[in-house]
Each structure stands twice: as C-alpha cells, then as structure tokens.
C-alpha cells in the first residue's frame, strides 16, 4: 500500500461518525468525486483499505486521490441534497452524470393569494412565494402535501378550477376541504389553516407529528400493523421537509459568505462557505500561520476576510449580501 493511501486511510479513520459529504481531490486540487455518507468515518475509510477494489473504476479513482475534504451535515437528508448541489456545480469526472438533470421537488406556498394552496414543483423561483424542501422524491413531497391538505382542509384545485367552481367538490363532502371556492369558509379562518400548515413545514409546530406518532403506537398495540406502517411512513415524510432546510433555502436571494476559524497555538485553520441563491455551493479551507497575532475570542479581521472571499470567486458569483464570521478557540 502506497504512503499516500496509508496517510489518507489514517486521516479517514480520524473522521467523526456524523453524516455529511466528502470531496475526493487530486494533487492539483481538482475534485474527482463527491459522495455522501451516513457516517463519514465508516464510508471514507473503505476507500483506503489495503485490499484492491473490486471495481476498476473505483481503484482508478483511489489511485488518483491525494486529499479529501468533508462537509458535516445535521442529517442524511441534508447530505443527500448537498451532494446533488455540489455534483451539479463541479461535475466531477468520477460521478455518474444524471442525463435528465431533474431537480428535487419542493412544496410551494404563496401567502399573498386570497386563498393560498400548497403545491409541489421541481423549480424553485424567486417569485416571493415560500418554498419548503427539497424532498428526496416526488412521492415524499406528495405525501406531505396530501397530509397537510387533509389535516387543515386546504384546497388543492388549480386556480382556474377554483375561480369557476359553483358548488363544493367531493373532497368537501368527504371532510377533506373547507370549500373556500363557494364561500363555505371565510378568508381569516382559511388563513389560520394555512398558518398552521406553514408552522409544520417550518418545524415550529410538532403537534401534527406527535399526533401521527401517537396514532402509530396505538395502531401497533391493536396489531393493525399495516396502518401503523402507513403512519410511520407519513411521519418520516413530514420529518424530511424540516431536515433538508440546513443546506437549501430555495426561492430566496440569500447570498452569504460564512468564515469559520479554529486555532491552536500559533497555527489556525479557516473555512469559507459560500452560499448563492440559498444553496451552499462552495467550501474552501485555508491554513494560517502566525495566528498568535489574533487576540483570543476575536474572529478574523474584516480586511482578511475580504481577501479570503475575493480570492475564491464562485460561478454565478455576485457580491454576497451577508457575511458571517465564527471563531472557535
């Protein structure tokens, strides 16, 4: 086993067990491969074990890797979305290209409408509406959409159908829609339902999730296992929309540069995360010497942050509207 592979194996074994994304790089710093992991230590370590890889493609990749970087995420769902975003930006040669290039689905709510509805879309636009997600699959997005519509009796008809309906639809008769199209509910009462759904999507109200979990346990105790499994899946779909918000704030103009600093003695390490259009698209690391000149408890001086950011321009780059600096002792 080569010295490089041994060194990378030792570095991989020193990683944490958190979920995240890893970027394999060659000796020029070019990204060769981007992957996700439930446990970064377990996944990345497998690349640098002594035995040759079964796949010639993977063995070729490992032979060219001279360094790797990792980005920690809160959940596996965040890692999945971040991996997709970074692959689309960097197009690493060892990643499989998705020829259809489909985007992950979102739930969309435009609260400016008189009687808003929750819809799903694969295109997050900067149109003033709220977007939640992304979801790992269209099925997951549709399940949450149906759950919220039925729980809070929200309309799911198109705007054209809504404007021309003269009598309640069958969903109203089934108790699944409040029929705002024919005046069965006032604007303020309907707005309360939309507000409740938004709190669920924002993760600020877990009453619906608790209710589903209680019903799941009750169904299991009654040995109604099929219903318990269905409720379990509903709860999982509902968790997804909150879990993915950390790496994707779709439909916003949020452009941020976040700089973190960690140091030990006279040496420091800085990390620059660049967010464009609400998506984390670039991570850069800097090794700093003579860090003793920085006073403990203080972050990087503003002029130095400007140098880091200006030296790492990203595609689609516009001047970031916000900048965050975090200092770790």
C-alpha atoms as a PDB file:
ATOM      1  CA  UNK A   1       0.000   0.000   0.000  1.00  0.00           C
ATOM      2  CA  UNK A   2       1.388   3.409  -1.023  1.00  0.00           C
ATOM      3  CA  UNK A   3       2.316   6.059   1.504  1.00  0.00           C
ATOM      4  CA  UNK A   4      -0.409   8.350   0.151  1.00  0.00           C
ATOM      5  CA  UNK A   5      -3.088   5.708   0.616  1.00  0.00           C
ATOM      6  CA  UNK A   6      -1.813   4.935   4.116  1.00  0.00           C
ATOM      7  CA  UNK A   7      -1.867   8.620   5.013  1.00  0.00           C
ATOM      8  CA  UNK A   8      -5.385   9.087   3.642  1.00  0.00           C
ATOM      9  CA  UNK A   9      -6.545   5.962   5.476  1.00  0.00           C
ATOM     10  CA  UNK A  10      -5.272   7.359   8.775  1.00  0.00           C
ATOM     11  CA  UNK A  11      -6.992  10.689   8.096  1.00  0.00           C
ATOM     12  CA  UNK A  12     -10.239   8.893   7.231  1.00  0.00           C
ATOM     13  CA  UNK A  13     -10.152   6.867  10.459  1.00  0.00           C
ATOM     14  CA  UNK A  14      -9.804  10.133  12.389  1.00  0.00           C
ATOM     15  CA  UNK A  15     -13.081  11.479  10.996  1.00  0.00           C
ATOM     16  CA  UNK A  16     -16.230  11.682  13.094  1.00  0.00           C
ATOM     17  CA  UNK A  17     -19.265   9.451  12.723  1.00  0.00           C
ATOM     18  CA  UNK A  18     -21.582  12.308  11.691  1.00  0.00           C
ATOM     19  CA  UNK A  19     -23.377  12.348   8.319  1.00  0.00           C
ATOM     20  CA  UNK A  20     -22.002  14.552   5.594  1.00  0.00           C
ATOM     21  CA  UNK A  21     -20.482  14.908   2.151  1.00  0.00           C
ATOM     22  CA  UNK A  22     -16.918  14.096   1.110  1.00  0.00           C
ATOM     23  CA  UNK A  23     -14.928  15.503  -1.818  1.00  0.00           C
ATOM     24  CA  UNK A  24     -12.033  13.492  -3.293  1.00  0.00           C
ATOM     25  CA  UNK A  25      -9.295  15.645  -4.893  1.00  0.00           C
ATOM     26  CA  UNK A  26      -6.198  15.024  -6.984  1.00  0.00           C
ATOM     27  CA  UNK A  27      -2.757  16.551  -6.423  1.00  0.00           C
ATOM     28  CA  UNK A  28      -3.789  19.720  -8.297  1.00  0.00           C
ATOM     29  CA  UNK A  29      -6.817  20.268  -6.044  1.00  0.00           C
ATOM     30  CA  UNK A  30      -9.356  19.334  -8.741  1.00  0.00           C
ATOM     31  CA  UNK A  31     -12.436  17.499  -7.451  1.00  0.00           C
ATOM     32  CA  UNK A  32     -12.559  13.913  -8.742  1.00  0.00           C
ATOM     33  CA  UNK A  33     -15.571  12.567  -6.882  1.00  0.00           C
ATOM     34  CA  UNK A  34     -18.290  13.755  -4.492  1.00  0.00           C
ATOM     35  CA  UNK A  35     -20.191  11.366  -2.246  1.00  0.00           C
ATOM     36  CA  UNK A  36     -22.460  11.333   0.791  1.00  0.00           C
ATOM     37  CA  UNK A  37     -22.314   9.217   3.926  1.00  0.00           C
ATOM     38  CA  UNK A  38     -24.397   8.346   6.954  1.00  0.00           C
ATOM     39  CA  UNK A  39     -21.109   8.025   8.837  1.00  0.00           C
ATOM     40  CA  UNK A  40     -18.166   9.814   7.244  1.00  0.00           C
ATOM     41  CA  UNK A  41     -15.582   7.751   9.099  1.00  0.00           C
ATOM     42  CA  UNK A  42     -17.067   4.424   8.038  1.00  0.00           C
ATOM     43  CA  UNK A  43     -17.653   5.421   4.420  1.00  0.00           C
ATOM     44  CA  UNK A  44     -14.445   7.280   3.597  1.00  0.00           C
ATOM     45  CA  UNK A  45     -12.266   4.677   5.342  1.00  0.00           C
ATOM     46  CA  UNK A  46     -13.447   1.972   2.931  1.00  0.00           C
ATOM     47  CA  UNK A  47     -11.685   3.724   0.030  1.00  0.00           C
ATOM     48  CA  UNK A  48      -8.218   3.402   1.561  1.00  0.00           C
ATOM     49  CA  UNK A  49      -8.162  -0.144   2.902  1.00  0.00           C
ATOM     50  CA  UNK A  50      -5.248  -2.339   1.888  1.00  0.00           C
ATOM     51  CA  UNK A  51      -7.060  -4.759  -0.431  1.00  0.00           C
ATOM     52  CA  UNK A  52      -7.531  -3.734  -4.091  1.00  0.00           C
ATOM     53  CA  UNK A  53     -11.002  -2.516  -5.041  1.00  0.00           C
ATOM     54  CA  UNK A  54     -13.325  -4.880  -6.892  1.00  0.00           C
ATOM     55  CA  UNK A  55     -14.349  -2.110  -9.284  1.00  0.00           C
ATOM     56  CA  UNK A  56     -11.570  -0.987 -11.655  1.00  0.00           C
ATOM     57  CA  UNK A  57     -13.201   2.460 -11.782  1.00  0.00           C
ATOM     58  CA  UNK A  58     -13.043   2.841  -8.007  1.00  0.00           C
ATOM     59  CA  UNK A  59      -9.456   1.597  -7.912  1.00  0.00           C
ATOM     60  CA  UNK A  60      -8.551   4.164 -10.573  1.00  0.00           C
ATOM     61  CA  UNK A  61     -10.221   6.893  -8.504  1.00  0.00           C
ATOM     62  CA  UNK A  62      -8.384   5.925  -5.308  1.00  0.00           C
ATOM     63  CA  UNK A  63      -5.094   5.837  -7.187  1.00  0.00           C
ATOM     64  CA  UNK A  64      -5.532   9.461  -8.239  1.00  0.00           C
ATOM     65  CA  UNK A  65      -6.755  10.840  -4.903  1.00  0.00           C
ATOM     66  CA  UNK A  66      -4.192  12.833  -2.940  1.00  0.00           C
ATOM     67  CA  UNK A  67      -6.534  14.575  -0.476  1.00  0.00           C
ATOM     68  CA  UNK A  68     -10.146  14.735   0.594  1.00  0.00           C
ATOM     69  CA  UNK A  69     -12.395  17.231   2.334  1.00  0.00           C
ATOM     70  CA  UNK A  70     -15.614  16.693   4.253  1.00  0.00           C
ATOM     71  CA  UNK A  71     -18.659  18.850   4.978  1.00  0.00           C
ATOM     72  CA  UNK A  72     -20.695  17.870   8.028  1.00  0.00           C
ATOM     73  CA  UNK A  73     -24.479  17.974   7.878  1.00  0.00           C
ATOM     74  CA  UNK A  74     -27.146  17.600  10.528  1.00  0.00           C
ATOM     75  CA  UNK A  75     -28.969  14.729   8.809  1.00  0.00           C
ATOM     76  CA  UNK A  76     -28.670  12.213   5.971  1.00  0.00           C
ATOM     77  CA  UNK A  77     -31.300  14.166   4.060  1.00  0.00           C
ATOM     78  CA  UNK A  78     -29.127  17.284   4.162  1.00  0.00           C
ATOM     79  CA  UNK A  79     -26.179  15.232   2.913  1.00  0.00           C
ATOM     80  CA  UNK A  80     -28.253  13.904   0.002  1.00  0.00           C
ATOM     81  CA  UNK A  81     -29.317  17.366  -1.127  1.00  0.00           C
ATOM     82  CA  UNK A  82     -25.875  18.908  -0.638  1.00  0.00           C
ATOM     83  CA  UNK A  83     -24.260  16.099  -2.642  1.00  0.00           C
ATOM     84  CA  UNK A  84     -26.642  16.753  -5.528  1.00  0.00           C
ATOM     85  CA  UNK A  85     -25.974  20.514  -5.441  1.00  0.00           C
ATOM     86  CA  UNK A  86     -22.191  20.113  -5.431  1.00  0.00           C
ATOM     87  CA  UNK A  87     -22.200  17.488  -8.193  1.00  0.00           C
ATOM     88  CA  UNK A  88     -24.228  19.777 -10.447  1.00  0.00           C
ATOM     89  CA  UNK A  89     -21.815  22.644  -9.816  1.00  0.00           C
ATOM     90  CA  UNK A  90     -18.461  20.872 -10.045  1.00  0.00           C
ATOM     91  CA  UNK A  91     -19.331  17.940 -12.421  1.00  0.00           C
ATOM     92  CA  UNK A  92     -16.616  15.591 -11.065  1.00  0.00           C
ATOM     93  CA  UNK A  93     -15.352  13.081 -13.673  1.00  0.00           C
ATOM     94  CA  UNK A  94     -15.946  10.025 -11.463  1.00  0.00           C
ATOM     95  CA  UNK A  95     -19.575  10.855 -10.643  1.00  0.00           C
ATOM     96  CA  UNK A  96     -22.338   9.407 -12.792  1.00  0.00           C
ATOM     97  CA  UNK A  97     -23.994  12.168 -14.806  1.00  0.00           C
ATOM     98  CA  UNK A  98     -27.754  12.359 -14.466  1.00  0.00           C
ATOM     99  CA  UNK A  99     -28.811  12.872 -18.058  1.00  0.00           C
ATOM    100  CA  UNK A 100     -32.308  14.127 -17.229  1.00  0.00           C
ATOM    101  CA  UNK A 101     -30.822  16.514 -14.606  1.00  0.00           C
ATOM    102  CA  UNK A 102     -34.111  16.574 -12.720  1.00  0.00           C
ATOM    103  CA  UNK A 103     -34.254  18.787  -9.678  1.00  0.00           C
ATOM    104  CA  UNK A 104     -35.576  17.656  -6.324  1.00  0.00           C
ATOM    105  CA  UNK A 105     -39.201  18.622  -5.613  1.00  0.00           C
ATOM    106  CA  UNK A 106     -40.305  21.401  -3.259  1.00  0.00           C
ATOM    107  CA  UNK A 107     -43.593  22.434  -1.694  1.00  0.00           C
ATOM    108  CA  UNK A 108     -44.628  25.974  -2.624  1.00  0.00           C
ATOM    109  CA  UNK A 109     -46.970  28.369  -0.801  1.00  0.00           C
ATOM    110  CA  UNK A 110     -47.807  31.899  -1.942  1.00  0.00           C
ATOM    111  CA  UNK A 111     -49.373  33.533   1.110  1.00  0.00           C
ATOM    112  CA  UNK A 112     -50.223  36.664  -0.912  1.00  0.00           C
ATOM    113  CA  UNK A 113     -53.158  34.877  -2.549  1.00  0.00           C
ATOM    114  CA  UNK A 114     -56.617  35.318  -1.046  1.00  0.00           C
ATOM    115  CA  UNK A 115     -56.996  31.564  -0.502  1.00  0.00           C
ATOM    116  CA  UNK A 116     -53.477  30.094  -0.883  1.00  0.00           C
ATOM    117  CA  UNK A 117     -52.868  26.477  -1.724  1.00  0.00           C
ATOM    118  CA  UNK A 118     -49.849  24.248  -1.199  1.00  0.00           C
ATOM    119  CA  UNK A 119     -48.413  22.976  -4.452  1.00  0.00           C
ATOM    120  CA  UNK A 120     -45.354  20.974  -5.403  1.00  0.00           C
ATOM    121  CA  UNK A 121     -42.790  21.922  -8.017  1.00  0.00           C
ATOM    122  CA  UNK A 122     -39.318  20.993  -9.214  1.00  0.00           C
ATOM    123  CA  UNK A 123     -38.404  24.600  -9.970  1.00  0.00           C
ATOM    124  CA  UNK A 124     -37.786  26.978  -7.069  1.00  0.00           C
ATOM    125  CA  UNK A 125     -38.183  30.519  -8.375  1.00  0.00           C
ATOM    126  CA  UNK A 126     -37.552  33.900  -6.788  1.00  0.00           C
ATOM    127  CA  UNK A 127     -41.202  34.894  -7.070  1.00  0.00           C
ATOM    128  CA  UNK A 128     -41.987  35.913  -3.498  1.00  0.00           C
ATOM    129  CA  UNK A 129     -43.554  32.565  -2.601  1.00  0.00           C
ATOM    130  CA  UNK A 130     -42.296  30.285   0.196  1.00  0.00           C
ATOM    131  CA  UNK A 131     -40.543  27.046  -0.771  1.00  0.00           C
ATOM    132  CA  UNK A 132     -40.027  24.067   1.539  1.00  0.00           C
ATOM    133  CA  UNK A 133     -37.771  21.126   0.880  1.00  0.00           C
ATOM    134  CA  UNK A 134     -36.226  19.810  -1.192  1.00  0.00           C
ATOM    135  CA  UNK A 135     -37.626  16.304  -0.857  1.00  0.00           C
ATOM    136  CA  UNK A 136     -35.703  13.185  -1.857  1.00  0.00           C
ATOM    137  CA  UNK A 137     -38.559  12.084  -4.128  1.00  0.00           C
ATOM    138  CA  UNK A 138     -41.799  13.309  -5.663  1.00  0.00           C
ATOM    139  CA  UNK A 139     -43.620  10.594  -3.705  1.00  0.00           C
ATOM    140  CA  UNK A 140     -42.394  12.021  -0.410  1.00  0.00           C
ATOM    141  CA  UNK A 141     -43.424  15.566  -1.391  1.00  0.00           C
ATOM    142  CA  UNK A 142     -46.903  14.440  -2.489  1.00  0.00           C
ATOM    143  CA  UNK A 143     -47.445  12.502   0.736  1.00  0.00           C
ATOM    144  CA  UNK A 144     -46.705  15.577   2.867  1.00  0.00           C
ATOM    145  CA  UNK A 145     -48.864  17.712   0.565  1.00  0.00           C
ATOM    146  CA  UNK A 146     -51.822  15.357   0.932  1.00  0.00           C
ATOM    147  CA  UNK A 147     -51.341  15.082   4.692  1.00  0.00           C
ATOM    148  CA  UNK A 148     -51.355  18.864   5.198  1.00  0.00           C
ATOM    149  CA  UNK A 149     -54.301  19.437   2.851  1.00  0.00           C
ATOM    150  CA  UNK A 150     -56.448  16.851   4.592  1.00  0.00           C
ATOM    151  CA  UNK A 151     -55.409  17.839   8.126  1.00  0.00           C
ATOM    152  CA  UNK A 152     -56.093  21.558   7.675  1.00  0.00           C
ATOM    153  CA  UNK A 153     -58.774  21.176   4.959  1.00  0.00           C
ATOM    154  CA  UNK A 154     -56.924  23.256   2.390  1.00  0.00           C
ATOM    155  CA  UNK A 155     -57.846  23.494  -1.277  1.00  0.00           C
ATOM    156  CA  UNK A 156     -55.813  21.549  -3.811  1.00  0.00           C
ATOM    157  CA  UNK A 157     -57.581  22.594  -7.006  1.00  0.00           C
ATOM    158  CA  UNK A 158     -55.962  24.759  -9.678  1.00  0.00           C
ATOM    159  CA  UNK A 159     -56.584  28.498  -9.730  1.00  0.00           C
ATOM    160  CA  UNK A 160     -58.725  28.142 -12.845  1.00  0.00           C
ATOM    161  CA  UNK A 161     -60.919  25.458 -11.272  1.00  0.00           C
ATOM    162  CA  UNK A 162     -61.131  27.473  -8.058  1.00  0.00           C
ATOM    163  CA  UNK A 163     -62.395  30.581  -9.875  1.00  0.00           C
ATOM    164  CA  UNK A 164     -65.097  28.791 -11.879  1.00  0.00           C
ATOM    165  CA  UNK A 165     -66.487  26.301  -9.354  1.00  0.00           C
ATOM    166  CA  UNK A 166     -70.145  26.825  -8.444  1.00  0.00           C
ATOM    167  CA  UNK A 167     -70.620  24.045  -5.907  1.00  0.00           C
ATOM    168  CA  UNK A 168     -68.378  22.145  -3.462  1.00  0.00           C
ATOM    169  CA  UNK A 169     -66.327  19.255  -4.796  1.00  0.00           C
ATOM    170  CA  UNK A 170     -66.355  15.718  -3.462  1.00  0.00           C
ATOM    171  CA  UNK A 171     -63.403  16.469  -1.164  1.00  0.00           C
ATOM    172  CA  UNK A 172     -65.628  18.854   0.786  1.00  0.00           C
ATOM    173  CA  UNK A 173     -68.253  16.146   1.105  1.00  0.00           C
ATOM    174  CA  UNK A 174     -65.561  13.810   2.449  1.00  0.00           C
ATOM    175  CA  UNK A 175     -64.487  16.427   5.017  1.00  0.00           C
ATOM    176  CA  UNK A 176     -61.081  16.962   3.392  1.00  0.00           C
ATOM    177  CA  UNK A 177     -61.592  20.502   2.051  1.00  0.00           C
ATOM    178  CA  UNK A 178     -63.239  23.562   3.563  1.00  0.00           C
ATOM    179  CA  UNK A 179     -64.607  24.678   0.142  1.00  0.00           C
ATOM    180  CA  UNK A 180     -63.399  28.294   0.055  1.00  0.00           C
ATOM    181  CA  UNK A 181     -64.313  28.292  -3.636  1.00  0.00           C
ATOM    182  CA  UNK A 182     -68.015  28.672  -2.804  1.00  0.00           C
ATOM    183  CA  UNK A 183     -67.710  30.661   0.424  1.00  0.00           C
ATOM    184  CA  UNK A 184     -68.065  27.811   2.903  1.00  0.00           C
ATOM    185  CA  UNK A 185     -65.211  29.325   4.917  1.00  0.00           C
ATOM    186  CA  UNK A 186     -64.081  32.916   5.399  1.00  0.00           C
ATOM    187  CA  UNK A 187     -60.683  34.293   4.457  1.00  0.00           C
ATOM    188  CA  UNK A 188     -59.481  34.705   8.053  1.00  0.00           C
ATOM    189  CA  UNK A 189     -60.478  31.179   9.093  1.00  0.00           C
ATOM    190  CA  UNK A 190     -58.812  29.738   5.998  1.00  0.00           C
ATOM    191  CA  UNK A 191     -55.688  31.793   6.702  1.00  0.00           C
ATOM    192  CA  UNK A 192     -55.487  30.140  10.134  1.00  0.00           C
ATOM    193  CA  UNK A 193     -55.279  26.746   8.438  1.00  0.00           C
ATOM    194  CA  UNK A 194     -52.539  27.927   6.077  1.00  0.00           C
ATOM    195  CA  UNK A 195     -50.622  29.418   9.020  1.00  0.00           C
ATOM    196  CA  UNK A 196     -50.809  26.090  10.870  1.00  0.00           C
ATOM    197  CA  UNK A 197     -49.511  24.228   7.817  1.00  0.00           C
ATOM    198  CA  UNK A 198     -46.630  26.703   7.471  1.00  0.00           C
ATOM    199  CA  UNK A 199     -45.658  26.219  11.116  1.00  0.00           C
ATOM    200  CA  UNK A 200     -45.462  22.476  10.487  1.00  0.00           C
ATOM    201  CA  UNK A 201     -43.313  22.966   7.383  1.00  0.00           C
ATOM    202  CA  UNK A 202     -41.033  25.365   9.279  1.00  0.00           C
ATOM    203  CA  UNK A 203     -40.604  22.849  12.089  1.00  0.00           C
ATOM    204  CA  UNK A 204     -42.117  25.238  14.642  1.00  0.00           C
ATOM    205  CA  UNK A 205     -45.146  23.094  15.452  1.00  0.00           C
ATOM    206  CA  UNK A 206     -44.681  19.384  16.086  1.00  0.00           C
ATOM    207  CA  UNK A 207     -48.265  18.767  17.243  1.00  0.00           C
ATOM    208  CA  UNK A 208     -49.164  17.074  13.941  1.00  0.00           C
ATOM    209  CA  UNK A 209     -46.075  14.858  14.066  1.00  0.00           C
ATOM    210  CA  UNK A 210     -46.800  13.886  17.677  1.00  0.00           C
ATOM    211  CA  UNK A 211     -50.398  13.057  16.739  1.00  0.00           C
ATOM    212  CA  UNK A 212     -49.236  10.794  13.914  1.00  0.00           C
ATOM    213  CA  UNK A 213     -46.708   9.048  16.160  1.00  0.00           C
ATOM    214  CA  UNK A 214     -49.350   8.512  18.882  1.00  0.00           C
ATOM    215  CA  UNK A 215     -51.740   7.048  16.317  1.00  0.00           C
ATOM    216  CA  UNK A 216     -48.955   4.798  15.024  1.00  0.00           C
ATOM    217  CA  UNK A 217     -48.270   3.415  18.502  1.00  0.00           C
ATOM    218  CA  UNK A 218     -51.974   2.886  19.139  1.00  0.00           C
ATOM    219  CA  UNK A 219     -52.370   1.034  15.835  1.00  0.00           C
ATOM    220  CA  UNK A 220     -49.395  -1.198  16.654  1.00  0.00           C
ATOM    221  CA  UNK A 221     -50.881  -2.030  20.074  1.00  0.00           C
ATOM    222  CA  UNK A 222     -54.124  -3.032  18.332  1.00  0.00           C
ATOM    223  CA  UNK A 223     -51.988  -5.184  15.986  1.00  0.00           C
ATOM    224  CA  UNK A 224     -53.093  -3.097  12.993  1.00  0.00           C
ATOM    225  CA  UNK A 225     -49.632  -3.309  11.548  1.00  0.00           C
ATOM    226  CA  UNK A 226     -50.440  -2.142   8.039  1.00  0.00           C
ATOM    227  CA  UNK A 227     -51.946   1.094   9.331  1.00  0.00           C
ATOM    228  CA  UNK A 228     -49.061   1.522  11.792  1.00  0.00           C
ATOM    229  CA  UNK A 229     -46.590   1.157   8.914  1.00  0.00           C
ATOM    230  CA  UNK A 230     -48.523   3.720   6.840  1.00  0.00           C
ATOM    231  CA  UNK A 231     -48.489   6.190   9.746  1.00  0.00           C
ATOM    232  CA  UNK A 232     -44.765   5.556  10.257  1.00  0.00           C
ATOM    233  CA  UNK A 233     -44.138   6.487   6.633  1.00  0.00           C
ATOM    234  CA  UNK A 234     -46.252   9.642   6.985  1.00  0.00           C
ATOM    235  CA  UNK A 235     -44.167  10.728   9.971  1.00  0.00           C
ATOM    236  CA  UNK A 236     -40.948  10.060   8.044  1.00  0.00           C
ATOM    237  CA  UNK A 237     -42.131  12.138   5.076  1.00  0.00           C
ATOM    238  CA  UNK A 238     -43.022  15.005   7.410  1.00  0.00           C
ATOM    239  CA  UNK A 239     -39.587  14.987   9.061  1.00  0.00           C
ATOM    240  CA  UNK A 240     -37.827  15.221   5.702  1.00  0.00           C
ATOM    241  CA  UNK A 241     -39.033  18.737   4.914  1.00  0.00           C
ATOM    242  CA  UNK A 242     -37.537  20.141   8.129  1.00  0.00           C
ATOM    243  CA  UNK A 243     -34.303  18.117   7.930  1.00  0.00           C
ATOM    244  CA  UNK A 244     -33.302  19.443   4.498  1.00  0.00           C
ATOM    245  CA  UNK A 245     -33.547  23.160   5.255  1.00  0.00           C
ATOM    246  CA  UNK A 246     -29.974  23.481   6.532  1.00  0.00           C
ATOM    247  CA  UNK A 247     -28.319  23.244   3.094  1.00  0.00           C
ATOM    248  CA  UNK A 248     -31.021  24.637   0.830  1.00  0.00           C
ATOM    249  CA  UNK A 249     -33.075  27.808   1.282  1.00  0.00           C
ATOM    250  CA  UNK A 250     -34.718  27.707  -2.132  1.00  0.00           C
ATOM    251  CA  UNK A 251     -36.540  30.564  -3.752  1.00  0.00           C
ATOM    252  CA  UNK A 252     -34.586  33.197  -1.840  1.00  0.00           C
ATOM    253  CA  UNK A 253     -31.967  35.775  -2.772  1.00  0.00           C
ATOM    254  CA  UNK A 254     -29.793  34.696   0.118  1.00  0.00           C
ATOM    255  CA  UNK A 255     -26.125  35.105  -0.819  1.00  0.00           C
ATOM    256  CA  UNK A 256     -23.791  34.618   2.117  1.00  0.00           C
ATOM    257  CA  UNK A 257     -20.094  34.114   2.815  1.00  0.00           C
ATOM    258  CA  UNK A 258     -19.510  32.295   6.112  1.00  0.00           C
ATOM    259  CA  UNK A 259     -15.980  32.131   7.544  1.00  0.00           C
ATOM    260  CA  UNK A 260     -15.077  29.888  10.471  1.00  0.00           C
ATOM    261  CA  UNK A 261     -11.780  29.955  12.378  1.00  0.00           C
ATOM    262  CA  UNK A 262     -10.198  27.330  14.649  1.00  0.00           C
ATOM    263  CA  UNK A 263      -6.715  27.667  16.071  1.00  0.00           C
ATOM    264  CA  UNK A 264      -4.182  26.002  18.311  1.00  0.00           C
ATOM    265  CA  UNK A 265      -1.189  27.976  19.448  1.00  0.00           C
ATOM    266  CA  UNK A 266       0.446  29.738  16.532  1.00  0.00           C
ATOM    267  CA  UNK A 267      -1.453  27.804  13.848  1.00  0.00           C
ATOM    268  CA  UNK A 268      -5.027  28.305  12.669  1.00  0.00           C
ATOM    269  CA  UNK A 269      -7.375  26.828  10.108  1.00  0.00           C
ATOM    270  CA  UNK A 270     -10.055  28.873   8.357  1.00  0.00           C
ATOM    271  CA  UNK A 271     -13.001  27.579   6.342  1.00  0.00           C
ATOM    272  CA  UNK A 272     -15.001  29.613   3.831  1.00  0.00           C
ATOM    273  CA  UNK A 273     -18.547  28.504   2.913  1.00  0.00           C
ATOM    274  CA  UNK A 274     -20.172  30.336   0.028  1.00  0.00           C
ATOM    275  CA  UNK A 275     -23.944  30.378  -0.399  1.00  0.00           C
ATOM    276  CA  UNK A 276     -25.531  31.649  -3.605  1.00  0.00           C
ATOM    277  CA  UNK A 277     -29.262  31.738  -4.251  1.00  0.00           C
ATOM    278  CA  UNK A 278     -29.899  29.986  -0.939  1.00  0.00           C
ATOM    279  CA  UNK A 279     -27.671  26.990  -1.805  1.00  0.00           C
ATOM    280  CA  UNK A 280     -24.321  26.015  -0.336  1.00  0.00           C
ATOM    281  CA  UNK A 281     -22.138  25.666  -3.426  1.00  0.00           C
ATOM    282  CA  UNK A 282     -18.504  26.045  -2.344  1.00  0.00           C
ATOM    283  CA  UNK A 283     -16.289  25.171   0.633  1.00  0.00           C
ATOM    284  CA  UNK A 284     -12.633  26.268   0.853  1.00  0.00           C
ATOM    285  CA  UNK A 285     -10.007  25.709   3.553  1.00  0.00           C
ATOM    286  CA  UNK A 286      -7.021  27.884   4.479  1.00  0.00           C
ATOM    287  CA  UNK A 287      -4.040  27.020   6.665  1.00  0.00           C
ATOM    288  CA  UNK A 288      -2.890  30.110   8.579  1.00  0.00           C
ATOM    289  CA  UNK A 289       0.428  30.646  10.326  1.00  0.00           C
ATOM    290  CA  UNK A 290       1.479  33.252  12.903  1.00  0.00           C
ATOM    291  CA  UNK A 291      -2.057  33.130  14.294  1.00  0.00           C
ATOM    292  CA  UNK A 292      -0.855  34.358  17.685  1.00  0.00           C
ATOM    293  CA  UNK A 293      -1.349  37.915  16.467  1.00  0.00           C
ATOM    294  CA  UNK A 294      -5.096  37.333  16.673  1.00  0.00           C
ATOM    295  CA  UNK A 295      -6.468  38.030  20.114  1.00  0.00           C
ATOM    296  CA  UNK A 296      -8.282  35.128  21.737  1.00  0.00           C
ATOM    297  CA  UNK A 297     -12.041  35.458  21.450  1.00  0.00           C
ATOM    298  CA  UNK A 298     -11.809  37.577  18.315  1.00  0.00           C
ATOM    299  CA  UNK A 299     -12.519  36.390  14.790  1.00  0.00           C
ATOM    300  CA  UNK A 300     -10.618  37.159  11.631  1.00  0.00           C
ATOM    301  CA  UNK A 301     -10.126  40.871  10.906  1.00  0.00           C
ATOM    302  CA  UNK A 302     -12.560  42.167   8.305  1.00  0.00           C
ATOM    303  CA  UNK A 303      -9.860  43.028   5.713  1.00  0.00           C
ATOM    304  CA  UNK A 304      -8.505  39.475   5.929  1.00  0.00           C
ATOM    305  CA  UNK A 305     -11.992  38.020   5.430  1.00  0.00           C
ATOM    306  CA  UNK A 306     -12.302  40.164   2.312  1.00  0.00           C
ATOM    307  CA  UNK A 307      -9.046  38.697   0.998  1.00  0.00           C
ATOM    308  CA  UNK A 308     -10.289  35.133   1.552  1.00  0.00           C
ATOM    309  CA  UNK A 309     -13.602  35.794  -0.164  1.00  0.00           C
ATOM    310  CA  UNK A 310     -12.163  37.788  -3.071  1.00  0.00           C
ATOM    311  CA  UNK A 311      -9.633  35.042  -3.711  1.00  0.00           C
ATOM    312  CA  UNK A 312     -12.349  32.405  -4.012  1.00  0.00           C
ATOM    313  CA  UNK A 313     -14.825  33.721  -6.541  1.00  0.00           C
ATOM    314  CA  UNK A 314     -17.542  31.235  -7.410  1.00  0.00           C
ATOM    315  CA  UNK A 315     -19.622  30.780 -10.528  1.00  0.00           C
ATOM    316  CA  UNK A 316     -22.788  32.860 -10.595  1.00  0.00           C
ATOM    317  CA  UNK A 317     -20.977  34.955  -8.031  1.00  0.00           C
ATOM    318  CA  UNK A 318     -22.421  38.246  -7.023  1.00  0.00           C
ATOM    319  CA  UNK A 319     -21.209  40.213  -4.017  1.00  0.00           C
ATOM    320  CA  UNK A 320     -22.631  38.402  -1.000  1.00  0.00           C
ATOM    321  CA  UNK A 321     -25.380  40.302   0.786  1.00  0.00           C
ATOM    322  CA  UNK A 322     -24.382  38.875   4.137  1.00  0.00           C
ATOM    323  CA  UNK A 323     -21.230  37.707   5.840  1.00  0.00           C
ATOM    324  CA  UNK A 324     -20.839  35.632   8.980  1.00  0.00           C
ATOM    325  CA  UNK A 325     -17.613  35.025  10.883  1.00  0.00           C
ATOM    326  CA  UNK A 326     -17.426  32.431  13.630  1.00  0.00           C
ATOM    327  CA  UNK A 327     -14.435  31.980  15.890  1.00  0.00           C
ATOM    328  CA  UNK A 328     -13.559  28.756  17.712  1.00  0.00           C
ATOM    329  CA  UNK A 329     -10.850  28.808  20.390  1.00  0.00           C
END
